[in-house]
Amino acid sequence: MKTNSADKTITITLEKPVYGGFCLGRHAGKAVLVPFGIPGETVRVSIYDEKKDYSFGRIESPVVARDDRLTPDCPHFEECGGCSYLHVSYENELDMKTAILRESLERIAGLAPDQTPPIDIVSGGRLHYRSHASIKAPGGDPGFYRRGTNDIVPFRGNGCLLLDEELNSRIAAERSPGDFRAAVEASGRVITSRDNETLVTEREGGITFRRHIGQFFQANRFLRGRMLEIVRRYAGLVGSESFLDVGCGVGFFTLFLSGSAREGTGIDVSRGSIGSARENAALNGIGNVRFRALHSSRVHPSRAVPDAVIIDPPRAGIDRKTRQTLSAIGSRLVYVSCNPSTFSRDAKDLLRGGYRLDRLTLIDMFPATHHIEVISLFTPAEVSRPAGE
């Protein structure tokens, strides 16, 4: 039920951060979710969307503001749908994301604080980290969606603070109507989906990747290498073992891990991505991996018994049948997630299926935004951690 903001304005104290870039307060026993807040603040809030069990509100004015509230450098903040945390320091942002992850594991997965491993925090630069983006330009002026709408907020000044500077310069020069993708290569060359050549060359971890501009690739140019190293460490491969990479895309983890294993298999539902992965294996002279176009739910646990499984699903997480398959396989499992809610749901099933959660890293691949990236290690309950861990 929608409520006119002029009809209902309340005063609440914000208690804690919640996923999606919100802070939670309560009024008359009902939860109120407010963007751009800071826990501990007391604020006047106008309700703009009221549901049965909770409401959404926007801050009209502070009553008791935090001393550490910042004035965002971006003129689009609170208008553009991209950033959620530019009103706080980066340290505060990381604290809030960590609190959200802990609360999700406790509330959804049922893990008590003493059952959750310490959360390692890995971060890089907060600004200009994105090497590619999907740009909206229906009228010719490039920009991003306005928060909660399909309207466009055009870029102003030097563009988006999260995008690579060379990417911003190229985007600003694009004035033709129509949405497009833009990416900056490892060499610094900028490519858009409007160009004749749309093959992007990336380099990470000593591997060269070529991909079509529309294919998925990790966007944080500062932390991609760190992500690879953490996944390799958690996988615990010692050279004579095998691994399965579920949702392998163009071979990001598979090709990097090939040097630490006897053999590996990457699967992905996208035939186009599998084609690119095979080309990348040939490009790098890697012969101990293979790639198959296959949905994760079709993996048979008795035919796939790798020593380690790596899975990096979309925000929806791992489907139920795949969760059951992973538990039946019972190998070391490195789960890379970009959604703490679905991660916690999946963790609950994996724990019931005989796993324990051994290691957990919050790697901040999307600074300033509400997105939370997690790398985790699940091991069968009777198996000890890999050597060196």
Protein backbone atom coordinates (compact mmCIF):
# COMPACT_ATOMS: atom_id res chain seq x y z
CA MET A 1 0.00 0.00 0.00
CA LYS A 2 1.38 3.39 -1.02
CA THR A 3 1.16 6.23 1.47
CA ASN A 4 1.44 9.92 0.63
CA SER A 5 4.55 11.20 2.42
CA ALA A 6 2.68 14.34 3.41
CA ASP A 7 0.18 12.18 5.31
CA LYS A 8 2.67 10.41 7.53
CA THR A 9 5.89 11.81 8.93
CA ILE A 10 7.45 10.15 11.94
CA THR A 11 10.52 10.41 14.15
CA ILE A 12 12.62 7.27 14.65
CA THR A 13 16.03 6.22 15.88
CA LEU A 14 18.00 4.11 13.41
CA GLU A 15 19.14 0.88 15.03
CA LYS A 16 21.19 -1.11 12.53
CA PRO A 17 22.15 -1.41 8.85
CA VAL A 18 20.28 -3.93 6.68
CA TYR A 19 20.96 -5.27 3.21
CA GLY A 20 20.05 -3.03 0.30
CA GLY A 21 21.65 0.16 1.64
CA PHE A 22 19.03 0.74 4.33
CA CYS A 23 19.05 1.39 8.04
CA LEU A 24 16.29 -0.05 10.21
CA GLY A 25 14.30 1.83 12.79
CA ARG A 26 10.98 1.10 14.43
CA HIS A 27 7.74 3.00 14.89
CA ALA A 28 4.82 1.60 16.88
CA GLY A 29 6.52 -1.79 16.75
CA LYS A 30 6.79 -1.81 12.96
CA ALA A 31 10.09 -1.89 11.07
CA VAL A 32 10.90 1.16 8.96
CA LEU A 33 13.65 0.90 6.31
CA VAL A 34 15.44 4.13 5.49
CA PRO A 35 18.22 4.69 2.91
CA PHE A 36 21.24 6.94 3.60
CA GLY A 37 20.99 6.64 7.36
CA ILE A 38 23.59 5.85 10.01
CA PRO A 39 22.88 3.65 13.05
CA GLY A 40 22.39 5.79 16.16
CA GLU A 41 20.88 8.78 14.36
CA THR A 42 17.42 10.09 15.22
CA VAL A 43 15.68 11.36 12.10
CA ARG A 44 12.39 12.71 10.80
CA VAL A 45 11.18 10.29 8.15
CA SER A 46 8.40 10.53 5.58
CA ILE A 47 6.80 7.18 4.72
CA TYR A 48 6.58 6.62 0.96
CA ASP A 49 5.70 2.92 0.80
CA GLU A 50 3.83 1.16 3.56
CA LYS A 51 3.40 -2.59 3.63
CA LYS A 52 1.78 -4.93 6.12
CA ASP A 53 4.88 -5.76 8.17
CA TYR A 54 7.28 -2.94 7.32
CA SER A 55 7.53 0.46 5.67
CA PHE A 56 9.99 2.42 3.55
CA GLY A 57 10.76 6.00 4.43
CA ARG A 58 13.07 8.82 3.39
CA ILE A 59 14.93 11.14 5.73
CA GLU A 60 13.39 14.61 5.72
CA SER A 61 15.64 16.10 8.40
CA PRO A 62 17.97 14.92 11.16
CA VAL A 63 16.92 15.34 14.77
CA VAL A 64 20.17 13.97 16.22
CA ALA A 65 22.72 13.49 13.42
CA ARG A 66 25.99 11.60 13.74
CA ASP A 67 29.10 13.77 13.89
CA ASP A 68 30.79 11.52 11.34
CA ARG A 69 28.15 12.01 8.63
CA LEU A 70 29.87 13.20 5.43
CA THR A 71 28.80 15.42 2.56
CA PRO A 72 29.07 13.16 -0.52
CA ASP A 73 31.41 14.25 -3.30
CA CYS A 74 28.97 13.07 -5.97
CA PRO A 75 26.21 15.51 -7.02
CA HIS A 76 23.99 12.53 -7.96
CA PHE A 77 24.03 10.87 -4.54
CA GLU A 78 20.53 9.99 -3.25
CA GLU A 79 19.25 10.57 -6.80
CA CYS A 80 21.17 7.95 -8.79
CA GLY A 81 20.50 4.31 -7.94
CA GLY A 82 24.18 3.37 -7.81
CA CYS A 83 25.72 4.39 -4.47
CA SER A 84 24.40 3.84 -0.94
CA TYR A 85 27.28 4.76 1.39
CA LEU A 86 29.01 7.96 0.26
CA HIS A 87 27.54 9.72 3.30
CA VAL A 88 29.88 7.76 5.60
CA SER A 89 33.60 7.04 5.70
CA TYR A 90 34.86 3.92 3.97
CA GLU A 91 35.76 2.40 7.34
CA ASN A 92 32.18 2.93 8.50
CA GLU A 93 30.84 1.42 5.27
CA LEU A 94 32.91 -1.72 5.77
CA ASP A 95 31.74 -1.97 9.39
CA MET A 96 28.10 -1.79 8.26
CA LYS A 97 28.59 -4.40 5.54
CA THR A 98 30.26 -6.72 8.04
CA ALA A 99 27.39 -6.25 10.49
CA ILE A 100 24.87 -7.06 7.73
CA LEU A 101 26.73 -10.26 6.85
CA ARG A 102 26.93 -11.38 10.49
CA GLU A 103 23.25 -10.65 11.07
CA SER A 104 22.25 -12.55 7.91
CA LEU A 105 24.20 -15.63 8.98
CA GLU A 106 22.63 -15.53 12.42
CA ARG A 107 19.04 -14.82 11.32
CA ILE A 108 18.85 -16.89 8.12
CA ALA A 109 21.50 -19.60 8.48
CA GLY A 110 20.93 -20.02 12.21
CA LEU A 111 24.62 -19.60 13.06
CA ALA A 112 25.32 -18.25 16.53
CA PRO A 113 28.15 -15.69 16.74
CA ASP A 114 30.52 -18.31 18.21
CA GLN A 115 29.75 -20.64 15.28
CA THR A 116 30.74 -18.09 12.64
CA PRO A 117 34.44 -17.95 11.71
CA PRO A 118 36.23 -14.59 11.93
CA ILE A 119 35.41 -12.43 8.91
CA ASP A 120 38.50 -11.29 7.04
CA ILE A 121 38.04 -7.91 5.34
CA VAL A 122 39.73 -7.24 1.99
CA SER A 123 39.35 -3.85 0.34
CA GLY A 124 41.03 -1.68 -2.28
CA GLY A 125 40.40 1.81 -3.60
CA ARG A 126 36.90 3.14 -2.98
CA LEU A 127 36.61 5.19 -6.18
CA HIS A 128 37.29 4.67 -9.92
CA TYR A 129 37.52 0.90 -9.50
CA ARG A 130 35.05 -0.21 -12.18
CA SER A 131 36.59 -1.29 -15.48
CA HIS A 132 33.28 -1.74 -17.27
CA ALA A 133 29.63 -0.74 -17.02
CA SER A 134 26.27 -0.81 -18.75
CA ILE A 135 25.27 2.74 -19.67
CA LYS A 136 21.73 4.05 -20.16
CA ALA A 137 21.26 6.66 -22.87
CA PRO A 138 17.75 6.47 -24.40
CA GLY A 139 17.82 10.18 -25.25
CA GLY A 140 21.53 10.43 -26.01
CA ASP A 141 22.75 11.72 -22.63
CA PRO A 142 24.57 8.85 -20.86
CA GLY A 143 23.71 8.06 -17.25
CA PHE A 144 22.31 5.54 -14.80
CA TYR A 145 18.81 4.80 -13.58
CA ARG A 146 17.26 7.08 -11.00
CA ARG A 147 16.77 5.24 -7.71
CA GLY A 148 13.68 3.04 -7.84
CA THR A 149 12.63 4.13 -11.35
CA ASN A 150 13.42 3.65 -15.03
CA ASP A 151 14.18 7.37 -15.42
CA ILE A 152 17.74 8.34 -16.28
CA VAL A 153 20.05 10.53 -14.21
CA PRO A 154 22.56 11.96 -16.73
CA PHE A 155 26.22 12.13 -15.75
CA ARG A 156 27.52 15.57 -14.82
CA GLY A 157 31.02 16.94 -14.47
CA ASN A 158 33.61 14.17 -14.73
CA GLY A 159 31.05 11.35 -14.75
CA CYS A 160 30.61 8.55 -12.23
CA LEU A 161 33.05 8.42 -9.30
CA LEU A 162 33.07 4.62 -9.42
CA LEU A 163 34.17 4.31 -13.05
CA ASP A 164 37.74 4.31 -14.35
CA GLU A 165 38.67 7.83 -15.47
CA GLU A 166 39.38 6.77 -19.07
CA LEU A 167 36.02 5.05 -19.13
CA ASN A 168 34.33 8.27 -17.99
CA SER A 169 36.03 10.26 -20.75
CA ARG A 170 34.89 7.88 -23.47
CA ILE A 171 31.34 7.69 -22.12
CA ALA A 172 31.08 11.48 -22.07
CA ALA A 173 31.88 11.55 -25.79
CA GLU A 174 29.03 9.16 -26.63
CA ARG A 175 25.92 11.20 -27.49
CA SER A 176 23.94 8.91 -29.75
CA PRO A 177 20.60 7.63 -28.40
CA GLY A 178 20.57 4.03 -27.18
CA ASP A 179 21.98 2.05 -24.27
CA PHE A 180 25.49 0.64 -24.59
CA ARG A 181 28.27 -1.12 -22.72
CA ALA A 182 31.74 0.30 -22.16
CA ALA A 183 34.93 -1.35 -20.92
CA VAL A 184 38.55 -0.38 -20.44
CA GLU A 185 41.08 -3.09 -21.34
CA ALA A 186 44.23 -3.98 -19.45
CA SER A 187 46.11 -1.87 -22.00
CA GLY A 188 44.01 1.20 -21.19
CA ARG A 189 42.08 1.14 -24.47
CA VAL A 190 38.37 1.80 -24.07
CA ILE A 191 35.86 -0.25 -26.07
CA THR A 192 32.09 0.17 -26.36
CA SER A 193 29.41 -2.12 -27.73
CA ARG A 194 28.95 0.45 -30.50
CA ASP A 195 32.43 -0.22 -31.87
CA ASN A 196 33.12 -2.59 -34.76
CA GLU A 197 35.41 -4.66 -32.52
CA THR A 198 33.79 -5.62 -29.21
CA LEU A 199 36.32 -8.15 -27.94
CA VAL A 200 37.82 -7.03 -24.61
CA THR A 201 41.25 -8.22 -23.41
CA GLU A 202 41.73 -8.57 -19.65
CA ARG A 203 44.80 -9.71 -17.72
CA GLU A 204 44.75 -11.02 -14.15
CA GLY A 205 46.91 -13.46 -12.22
CA GLY A 206 49.24 -14.01 -15.15
CA ILE A 207 46.31 -15.11 -17.37
CA THR A 208 45.05 -13.30 -20.47
CA PHE A 209 41.28 -13.36 -20.92
CA ARG A 210 39.44 -12.34 -24.05
CA ARG A 211 35.71 -11.85 -23.80
CA HIS A 212 32.88 -10.27 -25.68
CA ILE A 213 31.89 -6.99 -24.06
CA GLY A 214 28.52 -8.37 -22.97
CA GLN A 215 29.97 -11.38 -21.15
CA PHE A 216 30.40 -11.34 -17.38
CA PHE A 217 33.77 -10.46 -15.88
CA GLN A 218 34.63 -9.11 -12.42
CA ALA A 219 34.44 -5.31 -12.64
CA ASN A 220 36.72 -4.26 -9.76
CA ARG A 221 40.14 -3.80 -11.39
CA PHE A 222 41.81 -3.30 -7.99
CA LEU A 223 40.63 -6.54 -6.36
CA ARG A 224 40.28 -9.14 -9.13
CA GLY A 225 43.78 -10.47 -8.47
CA ARG A 226 43.19 -10.63 -4.72
CA MET A 227 39.97 -12.55 -5.35
CA LEU A 228 41.84 -15.14 -7.40
CA GLU A 229 44.46 -15.61 -4.69
CA ILE A 230 41.88 -16.06 -1.93
CA VAL A 231 39.93 -18.63 -3.96
CA ARG A 232 43.16 -20.54 -4.66
CA ARG A 233 44.12 -20.52 -0.98
CA TYR A 234 40.66 -21.68 0.12
CA ALA A 235 40.56 -24.42 -2.55
CA GLY A 236 43.70 -25.91 -1.00
CA LEU A 237 44.88 -27.55 -4.23
CA VAL A 238 48.36 -29.08 -3.99
CA GLY A 239 49.10 -29.98 -7.60
CA SER A 240 47.88 -33.58 -7.79
CA GLU A 241 44.18 -32.85 -7.24
CA SER A 242 41.17 -32.05 -9.43
CA PHE A 243 38.55 -29.32 -9.19
CA LEU A 244 35.16 -28.36 -10.58
CA ASP A 245 34.34 -24.71 -11.31
CA VAL A 246 30.57 -24.16 -11.37
CA GLY A 247 29.43 -21.05 -13.24
CA CYS A 248 32.88 -20.64 -14.75
CA GLY A 249 32.02 -17.89 -17.24
CA VAL A 250 34.96 -17.19 -19.55
CA GLY A 251 37.30 -19.21 -17.30
CA PHE A 252 38.23 -16.66 -14.63
CA PHE A 253 38.83 -19.10 -11.76
CA THR A 254 39.31 -22.24 -13.86
CA LEU A 255 42.33 -21.04 -15.81
CA PHE A 256 44.01 -19.50 -12.78
CA LEU A 257 43.55 -22.65 -10.70
CA SER A 258 44.87 -24.88 -13.50
CA GLY A 259 48.44 -24.26 -12.33
CA SER A 260 47.64 -25.66 -8.87
CA ALA A 261 45.85 -28.84 -9.91
CA ARG A 262 46.22 -32.00 -11.96
CA GLU A 263 43.05 -31.21 -13.88
CA GLY A 264 39.94 -29.09 -13.72
CA THR A 265 36.51 -28.77 -15.29
CA GLY A 266 34.52 -25.58 -15.77
CA ILE A 267 30.79 -25.64 -16.41
CA ASP A 268 28.42 -22.83 -17.30
CA VAL A 269 24.89 -22.61 -18.63
CA SER A 270 26.02 -20.07 -21.26
CA ARG A 271 27.37 -21.70 -24.42
CA GLY A 272 28.88 -18.37 -25.47
CA SER A 273 30.87 -18.14 -22.23
CA ILE A 274 32.02 -21.74 -22.59
CA GLY A 275 33.22 -20.96 -26.12
CA SER A 276 35.22 -18.01 -24.81
CA ALA A 277 36.63 -20.11 -21.95
CA ARG A 278 37.91 -22.73 -24.40
CA GLU A 279 39.50 -20.01 -26.53
CA ASN A 280 41.13 -18.52 -23.45
CA ALA A 281 42.57 -21.90 -22.46
CA ALA A 282 44.12 -22.22 -25.93
CA LEU A 283 45.33 -18.62 -25.82
CA ASN A 284 47.22 -19.30 -22.58
CA GLY A 285 48.47 -22.76 -23.56
CA ILE A 286 46.55 -24.45 -20.76
CA GLY A 287 45.74 -28.07 -21.53
CA ASN A 288 44.70 -29.62 -18.20
CA VAL A 289 41.21 -28.10 -18.07
CA ARG A 290 38.04 -28.72 -20.01
CA PHE A 291 34.81 -26.78 -20.32
CA ARG A 292 31.22 -27.96 -20.70
CA ALA A 293 27.97 -26.10 -21.35
CA LEU A 294 25.95 -27.55 -18.48
CA HIS A 295 23.57 -26.30 -15.81
CA SER A 296 24.78 -26.95 -12.28
CA SER A 297 21.61 -28.89 -11.46
CA ARG A 298 22.62 -31.53 -14.03
CA VAL A 299 25.91 -32.42 -12.34
CA HIS A 300 25.75 -36.03 -11.18
CA PRO A 301 27.40 -36.51 -7.76
CA SER A 302 28.65 -40.02 -8.52
CA ARG A 303 30.26 -38.96 -11.80
CA ALA A 304 31.89 -35.79 -10.51
CA VAL A 305 34.10 -36.36 -7.48
CA PRO A 306 36.60 -33.50 -7.55
CA ASP A 307 38.80 -32.65 -4.61
CA ALA A 308 37.48 -29.10 -4.59
CA VAL A 309 34.43 -27.31 -6.00
CA ILE A 310 34.32 -23.58 -6.73
CA ILE A 311 30.93 -21.99 -7.29
CA ASP A 312 30.14 -18.36 -8.11
CA PRO A 313 26.39 -18.12 -8.76
CA PRO A 314 24.32 -15.01 -9.60
CA ARG A 315 22.57 -13.03 -6.85
CA ALA A 316 19.77 -15.62 -6.67
CA GLY A 317 22.31 -18.03 -5.18
CA ILE A 318 22.50 -21.79 -5.61
CA ASP A 319 19.32 -23.62 -6.62
CA ARG A 320 18.02 -26.35 -4.34
CA LYS A 321 18.98 -29.30 -6.52
CA THR A 322 22.54 -28.01 -6.86
CA ARG A 323 22.79 -27.55 -3.10
CA GLN A 324 21.78 -31.19 -2.68
CA THR A 325 24.33 -32.26 -5.30
CA LEU A 326 27.13 -30.33 -3.58
CA SER A 327 26.32 -31.97 -0.26
CA ALA A 328 26.32 -35.40 -1.95
CA ILE A 329 29.71 -34.75 -3.57
CA GLY A 330 31.15 -33.73 -0.19
CA SER A 331 34.32 -32.04 -1.52
CA ARG A 332 35.93 -28.87 -0.22
CA LEU A 333 33.61 -26.09 -1.39
CA VAL A 334 34.66 -22.51 -2.16
CA TYR A 335 31.49 -20.45 -2.46
CA VAL A 336 31.77 -16.93 -3.91
CA SER A 337 28.59 -14.94 -3.29
CA CYS A 338 27.38 -11.43 -4.06
CA ASN A 339 24.26 -11.56 -1.86
CA PRO A 340 24.45 -12.21 1.90
CA SER A 341 20.78 -13.20 2.08
CA THR A 342 20.93 -15.99 -0.50
CA PHE A 343 24.39 -16.96 0.74
CA SER A 344 23.00 -17.44 4.25
CA ARG A 345 20.04 -19.43 2.91
CA ASP A 346 22.39 -21.71 0.98
CA ALA A 347 24.75 -21.99 3.96
CA LYS A 348 21.87 -23.27 6.08
CA ASP A 349 21.28 -26.14 3.64
CA LEU A 350 24.98 -26.90 3.27
CA LEU A 351 25.40 -27.08 7.03
CA ARG A 352 22.44 -29.45 7.26
CA GLY A 353 24.02 -31.50 4.45
CA GLY A 354 27.16 -32.22 6.46
CA TYR A 355 29.36 -29.19 5.82
CA ARG A 356 30.84 -26.73 8.25
CA LEU A 357 31.73 -23.12 7.48
CA ASP A 358 35.49 -22.83 8.02
CA ARG A 359 36.62 -19.57 6.43
CA LEU A 360 34.93 -16.31 5.46
CA THR A 361 36.21 -13.23 3.64
CA LEU A 362 34.25 -10.10 2.88
CA ILE A 363 35.98 -8.78 -0.24
CA ASP A 364 34.53 -5.38 -1.09
CA MET A 365 34.21 -5.64 -4.86
CA PHE A 366 31.58 -2.88 -4.98
CA PRO A 367 32.63 -0.01 -2.66
CA ALA A 368 30.08 2.77 -2.05
CA THR A 369 27.22 0.50 -3.19
CA HIS A 370 24.98 -1.80 -1.14
CA HIS A 371 26.47 -4.95 -2.74
CA ILE A 372 28.35 -7.35 -0.47
CA GLU A 373 30.77 -9.94 -1.91
CA VAL A 374 31.78 -12.96 0.16
CA ILE A 375 34.32 -15.74 -0.40
CA SER A 376 33.79 -18.72 1.87
CA LEU A 377 35.21 -22.18 2.49
CA PHE A 378 32.90 -25.05 3.45
CA THR A 379 34.48 -28.38 4.38
CA PRO A 380 32.87 -31.73 5.16
CA ALA A 381 32.49 -31.90 8.93
CA GLU A 382 34.88 -34.84 9.30
CA VAL A 383 37.60 -33.27 7.14
CA SER A 384 40.24 -30.94 8.55
CA ARG A 385 41.33 -27.71 6.87
CA PRO A 386 43.86 -27.79 4.04
CA ALA A 387 47.54 -27.66 5.01
CA GLY A 388 48.66 -24.15 5.92
CA GLU A 389 45.20 -23.03 6.97
